C-alpha cells in the first residue's frame, strides 16, 4: 500500500534524566504508547507510523499493541544526502512489497544480487554462492522489522547479549543467521544509513566504520557507491549546506 505520510516517533532508551522513560508505565500503559496513539488520531488511514528505537523493550511493546513495524536506529548511525530521494523511489516502485526486515545500511561482506521484485533493492535472503573469504551481511545501524518477526527478533536480542564465559555475541551476527537467511529481507541498492566512525564496545577500539562499510560494499555489491559519498566528512559538508542529492550508483 502506498502511504501519503510517514510519522516518525523517536524512542531511544538513552535518557539521562529518566532512564528507560519510554517504557515506564503511566496510567496503565507505557509512555511511548501515548505518542503512538496520538499519532493514530491525527494520521490518515493510509499514513504510516514508525517508532525509531535502539531499545529491544520497545519491540516488546510494539508486539503487545499490534504495531505493524518498528525501526531501530543506533546512536552512531549516519544518513546519506540521497536518503529521501531513494526512499521515495522505493516507495513508488514497490508500494506493496512485503518483507520481514529492511536493513537501510548493512555491511556487505559477500556477493549479493539485485532483487527480482524491485530493482532498487538488493535481496539479502536469496544469496548467490560465496567464495571462502566471504563472511556475511552485518550491521544494524537503521533497520525496519516487521511484526511477523517480533518474537524472533526479541529472542535473538536476549541471546546475543548473553555472555558465555568471556565470549560476546554480536546482535547483527545472530540477525544474519536467524532472520536474514530464514525470512525475506532486503536492503537498498546503495546504503542509506552507514555507520559513523565510533568506538566499538565489541572490538574495544575506534574504527573508521564509514570507510570500511562503503569499501566493502563496493567490493561485493553489483551497485557501487559513487566516490562523492565514500567520505563521511565530505558527506557531512553536503548535509551542512542542506543539499539533497538524487540517488545514483555506479555499475
Protein backbone atom coordinates (compact mmCIF):
# COMPACT_ATOMS: atom_id res chain seq x y z
CA UNK A 1 0.00 0.00 0.00
CA UNK A 2 1.28 3.46 -0.87
CA UNK A 3 1.33 5.88 2.05
CA UNK A 4 0.71 9.63 1.98
CA UNK A 5 2.84 10.47 5.03
CA UNK A 6 5.23 8.73 7.38
CA UNK A 7 5.13 9.79 11.06
CA UNK A 8 8.38 9.03 12.90
CA UNK A 9 8.39 8.80 16.70
CA UNK A 10 11.94 8.76 18.17
CA UNK A 11 12.16 6.45 21.20
CA UNK A 12 15.82 5.92 22.13
CA UNK A 13 16.50 4.43 25.55
CA UNK A 14 19.48 6.65 26.39
CA UNK A 15 17.70 9.20 28.60
CA UNK A 16 20.00 10.58 31.31
CA UNK A 17 17.28 12.41 33.23
CA UNK A 18 14.90 9.44 33.43
CA UNK A 19 16.50 6.18 32.20
CA UNK A 20 14.09 3.90 30.36
CA UNK A 21 11.38 6.55 30.34
CA UNK A 22 9.76 5.35 27.09
CA UNK A 23 8.68 2.06 28.65
CA UNK A 24 7.77 3.36 32.11
CA UNK A 25 4.08 2.88 32.91
CA UNK A 26 1.91 5.97 33.30
CA UNK A 27 -1.81 5.46 33.69
CA UNK A 28 -1.68 1.71 33.00
CA UNK A 29 0.30 1.97 29.76
CA UNK A 30 3.89 2.71 28.70
CA UNK A 31 4.78 6.33 27.99
CA UNK A 32 5.61 5.58 24.34
CA UNK A 33 2.07 4.30 23.82
CA UNK A 34 0.66 7.82 24.34
CA UNK A 35 2.75 9.18 21.45
CA UNK A 36 1.74 6.35 19.13
CA UNK A 37 -1.95 6.57 19.98
CA UNK A 38 -1.93 10.35 19.46
CA UNK A 39 -0.27 9.81 16.07
CA UNK A 40 -3.09 7.42 15.17
CA UNK A 41 -5.62 10.15 15.94
CA UNK A 42 -4.05 12.68 13.57
CA UNK A 43 -2.97 10.24 10.84
CA UNK A 44 -4.97 9.49 7.73
CA UNK A 45 -5.92 5.87 7.08
CA UNK A 46 -3.15 5.37 4.51
CA UNK A 47 -0.39 7.03 6.55
CA UNK A 48 2.37 5.06 8.27
CA UNK A 49 3.57 5.37 11.88
CA UNK A 50 7.19 4.37 12.58
CA UNK A 51 8.74 4.09 16.04
CA UNK A 52 12.51 4.54 15.86
CA UNK A 53 14.38 2.98 18.75
CA UNK A 54 17.55 1.24 19.90
CA UNK A 55 15.68 -0.44 22.74
CA UNK A 56 14.53 -4.06 22.44
CA UNK A 57 11.91 -3.40 25.13
CA UNK A 58 10.04 -1.10 22.71
CA UNK A 59 9.76 -4.02 20.29
CA UNK A 60 8.04 -5.97 23.04
CA UNK A 61 5.56 -3.13 23.48
CA UNK A 62 5.04 -2.91 19.71
CA UNK A 63 4.10 -6.59 19.71
CA UNK A 64 1.72 -6.26 22.65
CA UNK A 65 -0.09 -3.36 20.98
CA UNK A 66 -0.02 -4.86 17.47
CA UNK A 67 2.06 -2.15 15.79
CA UNK A 68 2.90 -3.32 12.26
CA UNK A 69 6.59 -2.30 12.13
CA UNK A 70 9.40 -0.88 14.25
CA UNK A 71 12.52 0.94 13.09
CA UNK A 72 15.68 0.59 15.20
CA UNK A 73 18.33 3.29 14.81
CA UNK A 74 21.69 3.14 16.56
CA UNK A 75 23.26 6.28 18.01
CA UNK A 76 26.27 6.18 15.64
CA UNK A 77 24.10 5.95 12.51
CA UNK A 78 24.77 8.35 9.63
CA UNK A 79 22.37 9.30 6.84
CA UNK A 80 23.28 9.78 3.18
CA UNK A 81 22.22 13.01 1.38
CA UNK A 82 20.25 10.95 -1.16
CA UNK A 83 18.23 9.10 1.52
CA UNK A 84 14.95 10.93 0.92
CA UNK A 85 15.16 10.55 -2.86
CA UNK A 86 15.94 6.83 -2.75
CA UNK A 87 13.29 6.02 -0.15
CA UNK A 88 10.64 7.86 -2.17
CA UNK A 89 11.60 5.96 -5.31
CA UNK A 90 11.47 2.61 -3.48
CA UNK A 91 8.01 3.50 -2.16
CA UNK A 92 6.83 4.45 -5.66
CA UNK A 93 8.26 1.39 -7.40
CA UNK A 94 7.46 -1.21 -4.73
CA UNK A 95 4.32 0.02 -2.89
CA UNK A 96 3.09 -3.48 -1.97
CA UNK A 97 6.42 -5.06 -1.08
CA UNK A 98 6.30 -7.47 1.85
CA UNK A 99 9.38 -8.12 3.95
CA UNK A 100 10.46 -9.33 7.36
CA UNK A 101 13.43 -6.98 7.62
CA UNK A 102 14.67 -3.95 5.69
CA UNK A 103 18.26 -3.05 6.54
CA UNK A 104 18.96 0.50 5.36
CA UNK A 105 22.71 0.40 5.98
CA UNK A 106 24.21 -3.10 6.15
CA UNK A 107 27.88 -4.01 5.93
CA UNK A 108 28.27 -6.30 2.94
CA UNK A 109 30.91 -9.00 3.21
CA UNK A 110 29.72 -11.39 0.50
CA UNK A 111 28.20 -11.35 -3.02
CA UNK A 112 24.57 -10.22 -3.34
CA UNK A 113 22.13 -9.74 -6.22
CA UNK A 114 19.59 -7.10 -7.19
CA UNK A 115 16.11 -8.20 -6.16
CA UNK A 116 13.87 -9.70 -8.84
CA UNK A 117 10.89 -7.93 -7.23
CA UNK A 118 12.35 -4.42 -7.13
CA UNK A 119 15.39 -3.12 -8.99
CA UNK A 120 16.02 -0.55 -6.26
CA UNK A 121 16.65 -3.26 -3.65
CA UNK A 122 19.23 -5.97 -3.05
CA UNK A 123 17.97 -9.40 -1.99
CA UNK A 124 19.62 -10.29 1.32
CA UNK A 125 17.90 -13.69 1.64
CA UNK A 126 18.26 -15.42 -1.72
CA UNK A 127 22.02 -15.10 -1.97
CA UNK A 128 24.41 -16.40 -4.64
CA UNK A 129 27.30 -18.70 -3.78
CA UNK A 130 30.16 -17.01 -1.97
CA UNK A 131 33.93 -17.58 -2.07
CA UNK A 132 35.73 -18.86 1.03
CA UNK A 133 36.95 -15.40 2.07
CA UNK A 134 33.39 -14.04 2.17
CA UNK A 135 31.65 -13.70 5.52
CA UNK A 136 28.09 -12.46 5.79
CA UNK A 137 25.91 -9.35 5.90
CA UNK A 138 26.21 -7.44 9.15
CA UNK A 139 25.41 -4.07 10.68
CA UNK A 140 22.22 -2.83 12.32
CA UNK A 141 22.56 0.95 12.00
CA UNK A 142 18.99 1.52 10.76
CA UNK A 143 16.70 -1.47 10.41
CA UNK A 144 12.94 -1.87 9.97
CA UNK A 145 11.45 -5.04 11.49
CA UNK A 146 8.03 -6.33 10.51
CA UNK A 147 5.65 -7.59 13.20
CA UNK A 148 5.90 -11.11 11.75
CA UNK A 149 9.37 -11.45 13.32
CA UNK A 150 8.95 -9.55 16.60
CA UNK A 151 9.21 -12.77 18.61
CA UNK A 152 12.26 -13.96 16.71
CA UNK A 153 14.00 -10.61 16.93
CA UNK A 154 13.33 -10.19 20.63
CA UNK A 155 14.53 -13.73 21.44
CA UNK A 156 17.67 -13.21 19.37
CA UNK A 157 18.50 -9.92 21.09
CA UNK A 158 18.30 -11.57 24.50
CA UNK A 159 20.54 -14.44 23.39
CA UNK A 160 23.04 -12.22 21.59
CA UNK A 161 23.71 -10.11 24.65
CA UNK A 162 24.17 -13.06 26.99
CA UNK A 163 27.79 -13.77 27.88
CA UNK A 164 29.13 -17.30 27.74
CA UNK A 165 32.35 -17.13 29.70
CA UNK A 166 34.28 -14.28 28.09
CA UNK A 167 32.64 -14.61 24.67
CA UNK A 168 30.33 -11.84 23.42
CA UNK A 169 27.76 -12.47 20.68
CA UNK A 170 27.15 -9.61 18.22
CA UNK A 171 23.45 -8.95 17.57
CA UNK A 172 23.91 -8.42 13.83
CA UNK A 173 25.70 -11.78 13.53
CA UNK A 174 22.70 -13.52 15.08
CA UNK A 175 20.35 -11.48 12.91
CA UNK A 176 22.10 -12.66 9.74
CA UNK A 177 21.87 -16.29 10.82
CA UNK A 178 18.34 -16.37 12.20
CA UNK A 179 16.43 -13.65 10.36
CA UNK A 180 18.10 -12.72 7.07
CA UNK A 181 18.70 -16.29 5.94
CA UNK A 182 15.25 -17.52 7.00
CA UNK A 183 12.90 -14.56 6.46
CA UNK A 184 12.74 -12.38 3.34
CA UNK A 185 14.99 -9.36 3.87
CA UNK A 186 16.17 -6.52 1.66
CA UNK A 187 18.45 -3.51 1.60
CA UNK A 188 18.60 -0.53 -0.81
CA UNK A 189 20.80 -0.73 -3.91
CA UNK A 190 23.19 1.65 -2.15
CA UNK A 191 23.23 2.21 1.63
CA UNK A 192 21.10 4.93 3.15
CA UNK A 193 22.49 4.75 6.69
CA UNK A 194 26.19 3.85 7.06
CA UNK A 195 27.79 3.65 10.48
CA UNK A 196 29.83 6.66 11.56
CA UNK A 197 33.37 6.41 12.86
CA UNK A 198 32.96 5.50 16.52
CA UNK A 199 34.07 3.37 19.44
CA UNK A 200 33.05 -0.31 19.35
CA UNK A 201 32.35 -2.00 22.67
CA UNK A 202 32.62 -5.36 20.89
CA UNK A 203 36.07 -4.82 19.35
CA UNK A 204 37.08 -2.30 22.05
CA UNK A 205 38.53 0.28 19.72
CA UNK A 206 37.77 3.27 17.45
CA UNK A 207 37.29 2.36 13.79
CA UNK A 208 36.61 4.24 10.57
CA UNK A 209 33.36 2.35 10.12
CA UNK A 210 32.10 4.55 7.29
CA UNK A 211 35.15 3.86 5.13
CA UNK A 212 35.18 0.12 5.86
CA UNK A 213 31.46 -0.19 5.18
CA UNK A 214 31.47 1.71 1.89
CA UNK A 215 34.69 -0.01 0.75
CA UNK A 216 33.26 -3.47 1.43
CA UNK A 217 30.00 -2.50 -0.26
CA UNK A 218 31.81 -1.58 -3.48
CA UNK A 219 33.87 -4.75 -3.29
CA UNK A 220 30.93 -7.14 -3.05
CA UNK A 221 27.82 -5.42 -4.46
CA UNK A 222 26.87 -5.04 -8.13
CA UNK A 223 25.69 -1.48 -7.40
CA UNK A 224 28.63 0.71 -6.40
CA UNK A 225 28.54 3.79 -4.15
CA UNK A 226 29.74 6.92 -6.03
CA UNK A 227 33.02 8.42 -4.79
CA UNK A 228 31.37 11.60 -3.52
CA UNK A 229 29.60 9.57 -0.80
CA UNK A 230 32.55 7.44 0.29
CA UNK A 231 33.96 10.00 2.74
CA UNK A 232 31.96 10.61 5.92
CA UNK A 233 33.25 14.15 6.39
CA UNK A 234 32.58 15.22 2.79
CA UNK A 235 29.06 13.84 3.14
CA UNK A 236 28.63 15.90 6.31
CA UNK A 237 29.73 19.02 4.39
CA UNK A 238 27.00 18.33 1.80
CA UNK A 239 24.43 17.98 4.58
CA UNK A 240 25.69 21.13 6.34
CA UNK A 241 24.90 23.02 3.12
CA UNK A 242 21.41 21.47 3.29
CA UNK A 243 21.88 19.85 -0.12
CA UNK A 244 19.57 16.96 -1.01
CA UNK A 245 21.10 14.71 -3.64
CA UNK A 246 19.41 12.42 -6.12
CA UNK A 247 20.46 8.83 -5.69
CA UNK A 248 22.54 7.06 -8.32
CA UNK A 249 25.01 4.20 -8.37
CA UNK A 250 27.92 3.03 -10.47
CA UNK A 251 27.69 -0.37 -12.17
